[in-house]
Amino acid sequence: MNFIFNYFKAKYICSARLCAVCFLNYILLVGITAQNTKESDFYTETNHLGVVKNFVNDYGGNGNDALDDSEKLQEAIDELSSLKNGGKIIFPSGTYYLAEIQLRSNVHLVIDRETTIIPVQRQNQKNYKIFQLDGQNEIIKNVSIRGVGGAFKVDLRNLKNKNVGVFSCGNVENFLIANFHVLDDYTKFSAVTFGVSAFKGGYNYASRGVIKNASIKNANYGYGLIQTQAARDILFENISGSGGVTLRFETGYDKMNKLQVGGVFNMVARNVSCENGNAALMISPHSMHNGSVNVDGVYAKNCGFAVRIEKGYVKKGLKSLNLVPGIYEPSEVKNVTAIYGNSAQLKSKHFKYMRCHLRNLITVDANHTLEKIYSGPSIAAVLNGAEGEGKGKFLVKVSNVSSSGFTEDQKDILYEEDTYLCSEN
């Protein structure tokens, strides 16, 4: 306590009220640099407690045909979940066709590295998921889906219905998703999504979980590997993406904003990378009040930015609800590296941050059909539009930022006012 008193005495001669404010700010800044990174603080392993079953030998799954194995897998999950300690289901190498699998408490899926999961083809255009870590008005606990010996594959190419996600997280507590690689084809959703779910007349969301050793290839600009809209106490580690945003802390779902439910709290990430995409990391509150984010290790090569931080705002269609621009509690992002490239994924709203002499390199990206996306030069390592005072502004401590291949006078960190007005000629 004497240390804190002396700290403020040396800094300020102030009233008791001002010292209280100073103390609060000091605690907040110390807190964001002291986040837990031990996996055991986010997930407690339980997959060794129950029985062990083989999906092929014990339940008739077939990794050598193109038939739907969803019903067989759901029956296996339901059976194991009914046992006292649940158990794990081993997937031998092969190709399995699955959709709308509902994970249940105390069940673990262990998938061989030589395995490929393909979503069952759908004739309609309705949204769907492959795996749902989301209890129906109940919280499922102690579950995991993991590759063994390396990363298993999820193949989203060659689908008639591209409105598909891989993992949907809602009513789940104490979970692990690890060792997987998604072969995307600019589909509509992020591979892993976190949102609110109905629970006892209200809403709930995922808590205490780990996602690690995960990657995606050819993701859509507006999506990517992971999007968290509602979650608490989650660790993301060793995640990478080609295309889109690898880790998107963006709470923009209209229903959540209207009801003011959800948001993200105590998000911790280590080693997040992007190549040929939008950004490795995005922080955008829309009109939600979120907790803290702590990120250490961001790498981007040929991406628009390594880190995008957007100020809070209220969508035009929601202004009648008297919402206020959202924020994040004081957060930290450190150890950021950006490598310049000429074919990053871009949106026209960011052209104003690009040097005028580079804009002739911008072309339309033909891979995107959902909205107009461009291919062009990387803009900067960090865009921090939340810096400063005013509505929707919030503190993100960004440190140890470096870049390579950009023009010599390019700033590593751009702020909202760092724009360039270029003549059309």
Foldseek 3Di string as FASTA:
>chain_A
DVVLVVVVVVVDDDDPVVSVVVVVVVVLVVVQVDADDDLCVQADAQQVPFDEEELCPPQNFDQEDLDACAVSVLVLQVVQLPDPQRHEYEYDAGEHEAWDREHAANYEYEYEQNYEYEYDADPDQDATERYECEDQQAAHENYEYEYPPAAHEYEQPPHPHLNYAYYEWERYERYEYEGYEYEHQQGDEANYEWDWHDHPNRITTYGRYEYEHYEYENYHQQHWHYEYQAYERYEYEHYEYEEHEGYEQENDDPVCLLVQDGAYASYEYEAFEYEQYAERYEHEYAQHAHEEYEYEHFEYEQAQANYEYAFFHYDPVCVVSVTFGYEYAEHEYEDFEYEKDFFHKADPVCCQLADPVFVVSKDWDPSDDVDTIITGIHRAHYEHAQPDDDTRHYHYHYYDYYYPDDPPPRDRYHYPPNGDDDDPD
